[in-house]
Amino acid sequence: MNDKDQAFFKQLLLDKRSELMKELSHLKDSGNSDTLKDASGDNSSYSFHMADQGTDNMEREKAYYFATREGRLLYHIDQALERVHTGSYGNCQECGKPITRERLEAVPHARLCITCKANEENLKSQP
């Protein structure tokens, strides 16, 4: 991979990282209040309906799931940026062969070539 390609993919990764940081910030700011009363903004002393509590809990769980997923993706992007820094970006960590440009454009944080990734997925799906 030449220097021009390295710079292109580094910028692609940095842009994706910046986008993820904004999404994580938005998830953190939206509705992660400590209590149900804080989340609703209601100051009354009346209890909430069970359906409303269930909906609020589901929304919190969904936000937690999204934040966890985005956090994992952020980790993989940071690992890819480290590989750019060390000069190993674009090479499969399993077989050492170059990862195709098309794959890197689709999944810039890819660490495996398509063949090794398919083998990994097949191993995971076997009982």
Protein backbone atom coordinates (compact mmCIF):
# COMPACT_ATOMS: atom_id res chain seq x y z
CA MET A 1 0.00 0.00 0.00
CA ASN A 2 1.48 3.32 -1.04
CA ASP A 3 1.59 6.54 1.00
CA LYS A 4 -1.37 8.04 -0.86
CA ASP A 5 -3.56 5.03 0.00
CA GLN A 6 -2.36 5.09 3.62
CA ALA A 7 -3.32 8.77 3.90
CA PHE A 8 -6.72 8.12 2.29
CA PHE A 9 -7.58 5.29 4.68
CA LYS A 10 -6.21 7.14 7.69
CA GLN A 11 -8.52 10.07 6.91
CA LEU A 12 -11.42 7.68 6.33
CA LEU A 13 -10.81 6.11 9.74
CA LEU A 14 -10.45 9.50 11.45
CA ASP A 15 -13.72 10.71 9.89
CA LYS A 16 -15.51 7.55 11.03
CA ARG A 17 -14.02 7.93 14.52
CA SER A 18 -15.19 11.53 14.74
CA GLU A 19 -18.69 10.51 13.64
CA LEU A 20 -18.79 7.74 16.28
CA MET A 21 -17.66 10.13 19.01
CA LYS A 22 -20.54 12.46 18.12
CA GLU A 23 -23.01 9.57 18.21
CA LEU A 24 -21.69 8.39 21.58
CA SER A 25 -21.94 11.91 22.94
CA HIS A 26 -25.51 12.15 21.70
CA LEU A 27 -26.40 8.80 23.28
CA LYS A 28 -24.84 9.90 26.55
CA ASP A 29 -26.75 13.18 26.57
CA SER A 30 -30.13 11.71 25.62
CA GLY A 31 -32.06 10.15 28.41
CA ASN A 32 -29.51 8.51 30.62
CA SER A 33 -30.96 10.09 33.73
CA ASP A 34 -30.48 8.42 37.08
CA THR A 35 -34.14 7.91 37.94
CA LEU A 36 -37.39 7.47 36.11
CA LYS A 37 -38.67 10.74 37.56
CA ASP A 38 -35.56 12.58 36.26
CA ALA A 39 -35.95 10.99 32.83
CA SER A 40 -39.57 12.05 32.47
CA GLY A 41 -39.09 15.55 33.79
CA ASP A 42 -42.18 15.07 35.94
CA ASN A 43 -42.02 16.53 39.42
CA SER A 44 -45.29 15.11 40.69
CA SER A 45 -45.42 12.50 43.42
CA TYR A 46 -47.84 10.23 41.50
CA SER A 47 -46.58 6.84 40.43
CA PHE A 48 -46.05 6.03 36.78
CA HIS A 49 -48.05 3.50 34.82
CA MET A 50 -46.31 0.14 34.40
CA ALA A 51 -46.47 0.41 30.60
CA ASP A 52 -44.71 3.78 30.71
CA GLN A 53 -42.04 2.36 32.99
CA GLY A 54 -41.55 -0.59 30.66
CA THR A 55 -41.20 1.70 27.64
CA ASP A 56 -38.69 3.89 29.47
CA ASN A 57 -36.66 0.85 30.53
CA MET A 58 -36.70 -0.49 26.98
CA GLU A 59 -35.45 2.85 25.66
CA ARG A 60 -32.64 2.88 28.22
CA GLU A 61 -31.63 -0.66 27.30
CA LYS A 62 -31.68 0.23 23.63
CA ALA A 63 -29.47 3.28 24.25
CA TYR A 64 -27.08 1.11 26.28
CA TYR A 65 -26.94 -1.47 23.49
CA PHE A 66 -26.19 1.20 20.88
CA ALA A 67 -23.50 2.77 23.07
CA THR A 68 -21.89 -0.63 23.63
CA ARG A 69 -21.95 -1.41 19.91
CA GLU A 70 -20.53 1.99 19.00
CA GLY A 71 -17.87 1.60 21.68
CA ARG A 72 -16.75 -1.72 20.21
CA LEU A 73 -16.59 -0.17 16.74
CA LEU A 74 -14.57 2.72 18.15
CA TYR A 75 -12.11 0.21 19.62
CA HIS A 76 -11.70 -1.49 16.23
CA ILE A 77 -11.16 1.86 14.51
CA ASP A 78 -8.53 2.82 17.08
CA GLN A 79 -6.81 -0.52 16.45
CA ALA A 80 -6.86 0.17 12.69
CA LEU A 81 -5.37 3.63 13.26
CA GLU A 82 -2.61 1.97 15.29
CA ARG A 83 -1.94 -0.37 12.35
CA VAL A 84 -1.73 2.69 10.05
CA HIS A 85 0.80 4.18 12.46
CA THR A 86 2.94 1.01 12.58
CA GLY A 87 2.69 0.43 8.82
CA SER A 88 0.84 -2.88 9.02
CA TYR A 89 -2.54 -1.48 7.90
CA GLY A 90 -3.96 -3.20 4.85
CA ASN A 91 -2.37 -6.57 5.54
CA CYS A 92 -4.33 -9.53 6.87
CA GLN A 93 -3.38 -10.29 10.46
CA GLU A 94 -4.00 -13.99 9.85
CA CYS A 95 -2.25 -14.82 6.55
CA GLY A 96 -0.26 -11.61 5.95
CA LYS A 97 -1.61 -11.07 2.43
CA PRO A 98 -2.87 -7.63 1.39
CA ILE A 99 -6.55 -6.88 2.06
CA THR A 100 -8.30 -5.73 -1.11
CA ARG A 101 -9.00 -2.02 -1.51
CA GLU A 102 -12.70 -2.75 -2.01
CA ARG A 103 -12.88 -4.49 1.36
CA LEU A 104 -11.01 -1.68 3.10
CA GLU A 105 -13.31 0.91 1.56
CA ALA A 106 -16.36 -1.02 2.78
CA VAL A 107 -14.89 -1.92 6.19
CA PRO A 108 -11.94 0.41 6.84
CA HIS A 109 -11.19 -1.21 10.21
CA ALA A 110 -10.92 -4.71 8.67
CA ARG A 111 -8.07 -6.75 10.10
CA LEU A 112 -8.62 -9.89 8.01
CA CYS A 113 -8.81 -10.52 4.27
CA ILE A 114 -12.14 -11.81 3.00
CA THR A 115 -10.92 -15.43 2.86
CA CYS A 116 -9.65 -15.44 6.45
CA LYS A 117 -12.78 -13.64 7.66
CA ALA A 118 -14.98 -16.25 5.96
CA ASN A 119 -12.94 -19.01 7.62
CA GLU A 120 -13.33 -17.29 10.99
CA GLU A 121 -17.10 -16.99 10.52
CA ASN A 122 -17.35 -20.65 9.51
CA LEU A 123 -15.48 -21.69 12.66
CA LYS A 124 -17.83 -19.62 14.82
CA SER A 125 -20.94 -21.14 13.26
CA GLN A 126 -19.86 -24.73 13.90
CA PRO A 127 -21.09 -26.33 17.13
